Amino acid sequence: MIEYKYDGKYLRQRGAKAGEVEKATIRDAHGRRVARIDGKIIRDARGNPLAEFDGKCLRNPSGQKIATMDQICRQVEGTKGIALAALWLSFIRTEDAED
């Protein structure tokens, strides 16, 4: 069962806000910036690259695949795209998603 939902602005877990997208900024439930979308690169709050999204796959800075969009959509219901990938990377990512 999918317990996360993304409506284009908010990521919710069982109804409670877990994160939000504000233009190109990813914020947690308390409003703190945790990541930023810079073109097709997802950066952490300090500006260091976390991952690159090519539309299908999310890859770490060394080029290794982290997850595909289909794997992300199995955990989160919502609109596909880089914002969903950034939210997943910031709040939901688990090691078992890599298989």
C-alpha atoms as a PDB file:
ATOM      1  CA  MET A   1       0.000   0.000   0.000  1.00  0.00           C
ATOM      2  CA  ILE A   2       1.261   3.481  -0.889  1.00  0.00           C
ATOM      3  CA  GLU A   3       1.491   5.635   2.224  1.00  0.00           C
ATOM      4  CA  TYR A   4       2.914   8.789   0.586  1.00  0.00           C
ATOM      5  CA  LYS A   5       1.011  11.156  -1.699  1.00  0.00           C
ATOM      6  CA  TYR A   6       2.322  14.099  -3.682  1.00  0.00           C
ATOM      7  CA  ASP A   7      -0.212  16.633  -4.990  1.00  0.00           C
ATOM      8  CA  GLY A   8       2.177  18.905  -6.887  1.00  0.00           C
ATOM      9  CA  LYS A   9       3.109  21.006  -3.859  1.00  0.00           C
ATOM     10  CA  TYR A  10       2.951  18.892  -0.680  1.00  0.00           C
ATOM     11  CA  LEU A  11       4.248  15.426   0.143  1.00  0.00           C
ATOM     12  CA  ARG A  12       1.960  13.821   2.700  1.00  0.00           C
ATOM     13  CA  GLN A  13       2.403  10.695   4.763  1.00  0.00           C
ATOM     14  CA  ARG A  14      -0.939   9.367   6.014  1.00  0.00           C
ATOM     15  CA  GLY A  15      -2.400  12.886   5.793  1.00  0.00           C
ATOM     16  CA  ALA A  16       0.388  14.693   7.662  1.00  0.00           C
ATOM     17  CA  LYS A  17       2.669  17.032   5.706  1.00  0.00           C
ATOM     18  CA  ALA A  18       6.153  15.546   5.341  1.00  0.00           C
ATOM     19  CA  GLY A  19       7.597  18.046   2.875  1.00  0.00           C
ATOM     20  CA  GLU A  20       6.778  20.610   0.222  1.00  0.00           C
ATOM     21  CA  VAL A  21       8.035  22.017  -3.048  1.00  0.00           C
ATOM     22  CA  GLU A  22       8.257  25.810  -3.225  1.00  0.00           C
ATOM     23  CA  LYS A  23       9.394  26.738  -6.745  1.00  0.00           C
ATOM     24  CA  ALA A  24      12.801  24.978  -6.869  1.00  0.00           C
ATOM     25  CA  THR A  25      13.218  24.539  -3.099  1.00  0.00           C
ATOM     26  CA  ILE A  26      12.397  21.394  -1.122  1.00  0.00           C
ATOM     27  CA  ARG A  27      11.348  22.110   2.465  1.00  0.00           C
ATOM     28  CA  ASP A  28      10.568  19.790   5.361  1.00  0.00           C
ATOM     29  CA  ALA A  29       7.370  19.907   7.460  1.00  0.00           C
ATOM     30  CA  HIS A  30       8.860  22.688   9.602  1.00  0.00           C
ATOM     31  CA  GLY A  31       9.752  24.908   6.650  1.00  0.00           C
ATOM     32  CA  ARG A  32      13.508  24.283   6.708  1.00  0.00           C
ATOM     33  CA  ARG A  33      15.218  24.010   3.317  1.00  0.00           C
ATOM     34  CA  VAL A  34      16.592  20.511   2.780  1.00  0.00           C
ATOM     35  CA  ALA A  35      17.267  20.487  -0.972  1.00  0.00           C
ATOM     36  CA  ARG A  36      17.162  22.588  -4.125  1.00  0.00           C
ATOM     37  CA  ILE A  37      16.432  21.728  -7.752  1.00  0.00           C
ATOM     38  CA  ASP A  38      19.014  23.251 -10.071  1.00  0.00           C
ATOM     39  CA  GLY A  39      18.073  22.292 -13.640  1.00  0.00           C
ATOM     40  CA  LYS A  40      18.304  18.517 -13.660  1.00  0.00           C
ATOM     41  CA  ILE A  41      20.567  18.370 -10.583  1.00  0.00           C
ATOM     42  CA  ILE A  42      19.229  17.975  -7.042  1.00  0.00           C
ATOM     43  CA  ARG A  43      21.426  19.731  -4.467  1.00  0.00           C
ATOM     44  CA  ASP A  44      21.385  19.581  -0.671  1.00  0.00           C
ATOM     45  CA  ALA A  45      20.838  22.652   1.531  1.00  0.00           C
ATOM     46  CA  ARG A  46      24.542  23.553   1.281  1.00  0.00           C
ATOM     47  CA  GLY A  47      24.620  23.341  -2.514  1.00  0.00           C
ATOM     48  CA  ASN A  48      26.417  20.011  -2.852  1.00  0.00           C
ATOM     49  CA  PRO A  49      25.045  17.763  -5.617  1.00  0.00           C
ATOM     50  CA  LEU A  50      23.004  14.808  -4.361  1.00  0.00           C
ATOM     51  CA  ALA A  51      21.704  13.386  -7.616  1.00  0.00           C
ATOM     52  CA  GLU A  52      20.960  14.013 -11.286  1.00  0.00           C
ATOM     53  CA  PHE A  53      17.578  13.224 -12.824  1.00  0.00           C
ATOM     54  CA  ASP A  54      17.332  12.463 -16.556  1.00  0.00           C
ATOM     55  CA  GLY A  55      13.556  11.941 -16.670  1.00  0.00           C
ATOM     56  CA  LYS A  56      13.723   8.188 -16.097  1.00  0.00           C
ATOM     57  CA  CYS A  57      16.547   7.519 -13.628  1.00  0.00           C
ATOM     58  CA  LEU A  58      17.919   9.220 -10.560  1.00  0.00           C
ATOM     59  CA  ARG A  59      21.732   8.922 -10.456  1.00  0.00           C
ATOM     60  CA  ASN A  60      24.247   9.897  -7.784  1.00  0.00           C
ATOM     61  CA  PRO A  61      27.087  12.338  -8.664  1.00  0.00           C
ATOM     62  CA  SER A  62      29.372   9.454  -9.703  1.00  0.00           C
ATOM     63  CA  GLY A  63      26.768   8.214 -12.212  1.00  0.00           C
ATOM     64  CA  GLN A  64      25.449   5.138 -10.391  1.00  0.00           C
ATOM     65  CA  LYS A  65      21.705   4.578 -10.572  1.00  0.00           C
ATOM     66  CA  ILE A  66      19.853   5.269  -7.323  1.00  0.00           C
ATOM     67  CA  ALA A  67      16.309   4.526  -8.540  1.00  0.00           C
ATOM     68  CA  THR A  68      14.046   4.685 -11.564  1.00  0.00           C
ATOM     69  CA  MET A  69      10.879   6.760 -11.702  1.00  0.00           C
ATOM     70  CA  ASP A  70       8.842   3.526 -11.645  1.00  0.00           C
ATOM     71  CA  GLN A  71      10.517   2.492  -8.370  1.00  0.00           C
ATOM     72  CA  ILE A  72       9.777   5.921  -6.890  1.00  0.00           C
ATOM     73  CA  CYS A  73       6.138   5.771  -8.026  1.00  0.00           C
ATOM     74  CA  ARG A  74       5.700   2.431  -6.212  1.00  0.00           C
ATOM     75  CA  GLN A  75       6.275   4.342  -2.952  1.00  0.00           C
ATOM     76  CA  VAL A  76       4.703   7.711  -3.765  1.00  0.00           C
ATOM     77  CA  GLU A  77       1.440   8.431  -5.529  1.00  0.00           C
ATOM     78  CA  GLY A  78       1.573  11.639  -7.545  1.00  0.00           C
ATOM     79  CA  THR A  79       2.757  13.582 -10.563  1.00  0.00           C
ATOM     80  CA  LYS A  80       5.986  12.231 -12.056  1.00  0.00           C
ATOM     81  CA  GLY A  81       8.939  14.576 -12.421  1.00  0.00           C
ATOM     82  CA  ILE A  82      12.053  15.981 -10.824  1.00  0.00           C
ATOM     83  CA  ALA A  83      10.121  17.492  -7.896  1.00  0.00           C
ATOM     84  CA  LEU A  84       8.769  14.062  -6.940  1.00  0.00           C
ATOM     85  CA  ALA A  85      12.266  12.560  -7.320  1.00  0.00           C
ATOM     86  CA  ALA A  86      13.743  15.290  -5.083  1.00  0.00           C
ATOM     87  CA  LEU A  87      11.090  14.762  -2.398  1.00  0.00           C
ATOM     88  CA  TRP A  88      11.631  11.006  -2.520  1.00  0.00           C
ATOM     89  CA  LEU A  89      15.394  11.447  -2.260  1.00  0.00           C
ATOM     90  CA  SER A  90      15.079  13.866   0.669  1.00  0.00           C
ATOM     91  CA  PHE A  91      12.412  12.130   2.768  1.00  0.00           C
ATOM     92  CA  ILE A  92      11.634   8.564   1.705  1.00  0.00           C
ATOM     93  CA  ARG A  93      14.709   6.923   0.175  1.00  0.00           C
ATOM     94  CA  THR A  94      15.526   3.489   1.557  1.00  0.00           C
ATOM     95  CA  GLU A  95      18.294   1.135   0.614  1.00  0.00           C
ATOM     96  CA  ASP A  96      15.873  -1.555  -0.626  1.00  0.00           C
ATOM     97  CA  ALA A  97      14.735   0.751  -3.457  1.00  0.00           C
ATOM     98  CA  GLU A  98      17.986   0.024  -5.299  1.00  0.00           C
ATOM     99  CA  ASP A  99      17.111  -3.582  -6.162  1.00  0.00           C
END
